[in-house]
Amino acid sequence: MNTTDSFLLVGREEIEAIKCCQFEILKKLNELDKNNKNHDVLESPYITALEFMKAVRIRRWKFNCLVNSGKIMTMKKKRKIYVPKGEIERYFAEITE
């Protein structure tokens, strides 16, 4: 097996130009990534019941008690239960009163 090493001489100016181009490419990729994160995820005004329970640190039994007593509003779509995001603040506001 014949392996030979090859060397290529590149001038300092050419290396700097390559670095500059790579920096520009990275900068544009980062901008695209930031823009795509903002557009890909639609901000929903609702969270799932499980997310609500995690946020306020309660279990299903307490969640069902709050729903049945009308202390939190829910919306059911198919088999999923959704809670408006504002209910988290309202839940904590009612507890402190």
N, C-alpha and C. Protein backbone atom coordinates (compact mmCIF):
# COMPACT_ATOMS: atom_id res chain seq x y z
N MET A 1 0.84 -1.17 0.00
CA MET A 1 0.00 0.00 0.00
C MET A 1 0.89 1.24 0.00
N ASN A 2 0.70 2.07 -0.97
CA ASN A 2 1.53 3.25 -1.13
C ASN A 2 0.77 4.47 -0.61
N THR A 3 1.24 5.03 0.50
CA THR A 3 0.63 6.25 1.02
C THR A 3 1.65 7.36 0.95
N THR A 4 1.24 8.43 0.37
CA THR A 4 2.13 9.58 0.30
C THR A 4 1.39 10.79 0.83
N ASP A 5 2.11 11.62 1.49
CA ASP A 5 1.52 12.85 2.01
C ASP A 5 1.75 13.96 1.00
N SER A 6 0.73 14.77 0.84
CA SER A 6 0.84 15.91 -0.06
C SER A 6 0.69 17.18 0.75
N PHE A 7 1.45 18.15 0.39
CA PHE A 7 1.37 19.43 1.06
C PHE A 7 0.99 20.49 0.05
N LEU A 8 0.19 21.41 0.51
CA LEU A 8 -0.27 22.48 -0.35
C LEU A 8 0.04 23.79 0.35
N LEU A 9 0.69 24.66 -0.32
CA LEU A 9 1.00 25.96 0.25
C LEU A 9 -0.11 26.94 -0.10
N VAL A 10 -0.65 27.54 0.94
CA VAL A 10 -1.72 28.52 0.76
C VAL A 10 -1.28 29.79 1.45
N GLY A 11 -1.48 30.89 0.79
CA GLY A 11 -1.07 32.17 1.33
C GLY A 11 -1.92 32.60 2.52
N ARG A 12 -1.34 33.46 3.33
CA ARG A 12 -2.03 33.96 4.53
C ARG A 12 -3.31 34.70 4.16
N GLU A 13 -3.28 35.49 3.09
CA GLU A 13 -4.46 36.23 2.66
C GLU A 13 -5.60 35.29 2.26
N GLU A 14 -5.24 34.20 1.59
CA GLU A 14 -6.26 33.24 1.18
C GLU A 14 -6.87 32.54 2.39
N ILE A 15 -6.04 32.22 3.37
CA ILE A 15 -6.55 31.59 4.60
C ILE A 15 -7.51 32.55 5.31
N GLU A 16 -7.13 33.81 5.41
CA GLU A 16 -7.99 34.81 6.06
C GLU A 16 -9.32 34.95 5.31
N ALA A 17 -9.29 34.90 3.98
CA ALA A 17 -10.51 34.99 3.18
C ALA A 17 -11.41 33.79 3.44
N ILE A 18 -10.82 32.61 3.55
CA ILE A 18 -11.60 31.40 3.85
C ILE A 18 -12.23 31.51 5.24
N LYS A 19 -11.46 31.96 6.22
CA LYS A 19 -11.99 32.14 7.58
C LYS A 19 -13.14 33.13 7.60
N CYS A 20 -12.97 34.22 6.86
CA CYS A 20 -14.02 35.24 6.81
C CYS A 20 -15.31 34.68 6.21
N CYS A 21 -15.17 33.91 5.13
CA CYS A 21 -16.35 33.31 4.49
C CYS A 21 -17.03 32.31 5.42
N GLN A 22 -16.25 31.51 6.12
CA GLN A 22 -16.83 30.55 7.06
C GLN A 22 -17.55 31.25 8.20
N PHE A 23 -16.98 32.36 8.67
CA PHE A 23 -17.62 33.12 9.73
C PHE A 23 -18.97 33.67 9.25
N GLU A 24 -19.01 34.18 8.04
CA GLU A 24 -20.26 34.70 7.47
C GLU A 24 -21.30 33.59 7.34
N ILE A 25 -20.86 32.41 6.90
CA ILE A 25 -21.78 31.27 6.76
C ILE A 25 -22.36 30.90 8.12
N LEU A 26 -21.51 30.82 9.14
CA LEU A 26 -21.98 30.49 10.49
C LEU A 26 -22.96 31.53 11.02
N LYS A 27 -22.66 32.79 10.76
CA LYS A 27 -23.53 33.88 11.22
C LYS A 27 -24.90 33.77 10.57
N LYS A 28 -24.95 33.50 9.28
CA LYS A 28 -26.23 33.38 8.58
C LYS A 28 -26.99 32.13 9.02
N LEU A 29 -26.30 31.04 9.29
CA LEU A 29 -26.95 29.82 9.78
C LEU A 29 -27.57 30.06 11.16
N ASN A 30 -26.86 30.79 12.02
CA ASN A 30 -27.41 31.11 13.34
C ASN A 30 -28.65 31.99 13.23
N GLU A 31 -28.63 32.95 12.31
CA GLU A 31 -29.80 33.81 12.10
C GLU A 31 -30.98 33.00 11.59
N LEU A 32 -30.73 32.08 10.66
CA LEU A 32 -31.80 31.22 10.15
C LEU A 32 -32.37 30.35 11.26
N ASP A 33 -31.51 29.83 12.11
CA ASP A 33 -31.95 28.98 13.21
C ASP A 33 -32.84 29.76 14.17
N LYS A 34 -32.44 31.00 14.49
CA LYS A 34 -33.26 31.84 15.39
C LYS A 34 -34.60 32.16 14.76
N ASN A 35 -34.62 32.47 13.48
CA ASN A 35 -35.87 32.80 12.79
C ASN A 35 -36.79 31.59 12.70
N ASN A 36 -36.24 30.41 12.43
CA ASN A 36 -37.06 29.21 12.33
C ASN A 36 -37.66 28.82 13.66
N LYS A 37 -36.95 29.04 14.75
CA LYS A 37 -37.50 28.72 16.08
C LYS A 37 -38.72 29.57 16.36
N ASN A 38 -38.70 30.82 15.94
CA ASN A 38 -39.83 31.71 16.19
C ASN A 38 -41.03 31.36 15.33
N HIS A 39 -40.81 30.87 14.11
CA HIS A 39 -41.91 30.61 13.19
C HIS A 39 -42.45 29.20 13.29
N ASP A 40 -41.62 28.25 13.69
CA ASP A 40 -42.05 26.86 13.72
C ASP A 40 -43.04 26.59 14.85
N VAL A 41 -42.83 27.21 15.97
CA VAL A 41 -43.66 26.93 17.14
C VAL A 41 -44.74 28.01 17.25
N LEU A 42 -45.98 27.60 17.11
CA LEU A 42 -47.08 28.52 17.31
C LEU A 42 -47.40 28.57 18.80
N GLU A 43 -47.45 29.72 19.34
CA GLU A 43 -47.72 29.89 20.75
C GLU A 43 -49.20 29.68 21.00
N SER A 44 -49.51 28.66 21.74
CA SER A 44 -50.90 28.32 22.03
C SER A 44 -51.32 28.96 23.35
N PRO A 45 -52.55 29.44 23.44
CA PRO A 45 -53.02 30.00 24.71
C PRO A 45 -53.42 28.90 25.70
N TYR A 46 -53.31 27.63 25.30
CA TYR A 46 -53.72 26.52 26.15
C TYR A 46 -52.53 25.61 26.45
N ILE A 47 -52.61 24.95 27.60
CA ILE A 47 -51.66 23.91 27.95
C ILE A 47 -52.46 22.66 28.28
N THR A 48 -51.81 21.52 28.26
CA THR A 48 -52.52 20.28 28.59
C THR A 48 -52.74 20.21 30.10
N ALA A 49 -53.65 19.34 30.49
CA ALA A 49 -53.93 19.16 31.92
C ALA A 49 -52.68 18.70 32.65
N LEU A 50 -51.91 17.82 32.03
CA LEU A 50 -50.68 17.33 32.64
C LEU A 50 -49.68 18.45 32.85
N GLU A 51 -49.55 19.34 31.86
CA GLU A 51 -48.64 20.49 32.00
C GLU A 51 -49.10 21.41 33.12
N PHE A 52 -50.42 21.60 33.25
CA PHE A 52 -50.96 22.42 34.33
C PHE A 52 -50.64 21.79 35.68
N MET A 53 -50.85 20.48 35.78
CA MET A 53 -50.59 19.79 37.05
C MET A 53 -49.11 19.87 37.42
N LYS A 54 -48.23 19.78 36.44
CA LYS A 54 -46.80 19.91 36.72
C LYS A 54 -46.46 21.33 37.15
N ALA A 55 -47.08 22.31 36.51
CA ALA A 55 -46.78 23.72 36.81
C ALA A 55 -47.19 24.09 38.23
N VAL A 56 -48.34 23.59 38.68
CA VAL A 56 -48.82 23.94 40.01
C VAL A 56 -48.54 22.84 41.03
N ARG A 57 -47.91 21.77 40.59
CA ARG A 57 -47.49 20.67 41.45
C ARG A 57 -48.64 20.03 42.21
N ILE A 58 -49.60 19.58 41.45
CA ILE A 58 -50.71 18.83 42.03
C ILE A 58 -50.86 17.51 41.28
N ARG A 59 -51.63 16.61 41.84
CA ARG A 59 -51.90 15.32 41.21
C ARG A 59 -53.27 15.34 40.54
N ARG A 60 -53.61 14.27 39.86
CA ARG A 60 -54.87 14.17 39.11
C ARG A 60 -56.09 14.34 40.02
N TRP A 61 -56.06 13.76 41.23
CA TRP A 61 -57.22 13.86 42.13
C TRP A 61 -57.52 15.31 42.45
N LYS A 62 -56.50 16.09 42.82
CA LYS A 62 -56.69 17.51 43.14
C LYS A 62 -57.13 18.27 41.91
N PHE A 63 -56.57 17.94 40.74
CA PHE A 63 -56.96 18.59 39.50
C PHE A 63 -58.45 18.36 39.24
N ASN A 64 -58.91 17.11 39.39
CA ASN A 64 -60.33 16.81 39.18
C ASN A 64 -61.21 17.55 40.19
N CYS A 65 -60.76 17.67 41.44
CA CYS A 65 -61.53 18.42 42.44
C CYS A 65 -61.65 19.89 42.04
N LEU A 66 -60.56 20.48 41.55
CA LEU A 66 -60.60 21.88 41.14
C LEU A 66 -61.52 22.08 39.94
N VAL A 67 -61.50 21.15 39.00
CA VAL A 67 -62.36 21.24 37.82
C VAL A 67 -63.81 21.10 38.23
N ASN A 68 -64.12 20.10 39.07
CA ASN A 68 -65.51 19.86 39.48
C ASN A 68 -66.08 21.00 40.33
N SER A 69 -65.22 21.67 41.10
CA SER A 69 -65.70 22.79 41.91
C SER A 69 -65.72 24.10 41.13
N GLY A 70 -65.24 24.10 39.88
CA GLY A 70 -65.27 25.30 39.04
C GLY A 70 -64.16 26.28 39.34
N LYS A 71 -63.13 25.84 40.04
CA LYS A 71 -62.04 26.76 40.38
C LYS A 71 -61.06 26.96 39.23
N ILE A 72 -61.02 26.01 38.29
CA ILE A 72 -60.23 26.20 37.08
C ILE A 72 -61.08 25.84 35.88
N MET A 73 -60.85 26.55 34.79
CA MET A 73 -61.60 26.29 33.57
C MET A 73 -60.82 25.30 32.72
N THR A 74 -61.55 24.41 32.06
CA THR A 74 -60.91 23.46 31.16
C THR A 74 -61.69 23.41 29.85
N MET A 75 -61.05 22.83 28.86
CA MET A 75 -61.67 22.64 27.56
C MET A 75 -61.28 21.25 27.09
N LYS A 76 -62.25 20.46 26.66
CA LYS A 76 -61.96 19.11 26.22
C LYS A 76 -62.08 19.04 24.71
N LYS A 77 -61.06 18.51 24.08
CA LYS A 77 -61.08 18.31 22.63
C LYS A 77 -60.68 16.86 22.40
N LYS A 78 -61.62 16.11 21.85
CA LYS A 78 -61.47 14.67 21.72
C LYS A 78 -61.20 14.08 23.09
N ARG A 79 -60.05 13.47 23.28
CA ARG A 79 -59.75 12.86 24.56
C ARG A 79 -58.78 13.67 25.41
N LYS A 80 -58.37 14.82 24.91
CA LYS A 80 -57.41 15.67 25.62
C LYS A 80 -58.12 16.77 26.39
N ILE A 81 -57.60 17.09 27.56
CA ILE A 81 -58.12 18.19 28.36
C ILE A 81 -57.10 19.32 28.32
N TYR A 82 -57.57 20.51 27.99
CA TYR A 82 -56.71 21.68 27.90
C TYR A 82 -57.14 22.71 28.94
N VAL A 83 -56.16 23.48 29.41
CA VAL A 83 -56.40 24.52 30.41
C VAL A 83 -55.83 25.81 29.86
N PRO A 84 -56.57 26.92 29.92
CA PRO A 84 -55.99 28.20 29.50
C PRO A 84 -54.77 28.54 30.36
N LYS A 85 -53.74 29.10 29.76
CA LYS A 85 -52.51 29.41 30.50
C LYS A 85 -52.75 30.36 31.66
N GLY A 86 -53.69 31.25 31.53
CA GLY A 86 -53.99 32.21 32.58
C GLY A 86 -54.50 31.57 33.86
N GLU A 87 -54.95 30.33 33.77
CA GLU A 87 -55.46 29.65 34.96
C GLU A 87 -54.36 29.36 35.98
N ILE A 88 -53.12 29.28 35.53
CA ILE A 88 -52.02 29.05 36.47
C ILE A 88 -51.91 30.22 37.44
N GLU A 89 -51.89 31.45 36.89
CA GLU A 89 -51.80 32.63 37.75
C GLU A 89 -53.05 32.75 38.63
N ARG A 90 -54.19 32.46 38.04
CA ARG A 90 -55.44 32.56 38.80
C ARG A 90 -55.47 31.54 39.94
N TYR A 91 -54.95 30.35 39.70
CA TYR A 91 -54.90 29.32 40.72
C TYR A 91 -54.07 29.79 41.92
N PHE A 92 -52.89 30.35 41.62
CA PHE A 92 -52.05 30.82 42.72
C PHE A 92 -52.62 32.07 43.38
N ALA A 93 -53.31 32.90 42.65
CA ALA A 93 -53.92 34.09 43.25
C ALA A 93 -55.03 33.71 44.22
N GLU A 94 -55.82 32.68 43.89
CA GLU A 94 -56.89 32.24 44.77
C GLU A 94 -56.35 31.58 46.03
N ILE A 95 -55.21 30.90 45.93
CA ILE A 95 -54.64 30.22 47.09
C ILE A 95 -54.14 31.25 48.10
N THR A 96 -53.54 32.34 47.63
CA THR A 96 -52.97 33.32 48.54
C THR A 96 -54.02 34.18 49.22
N GLU A 97 -55.22 34.20 48.69
CA GLU A 97 -56.28 35.03 49.30
C GLU A 97 -56.91 34.35 50.46
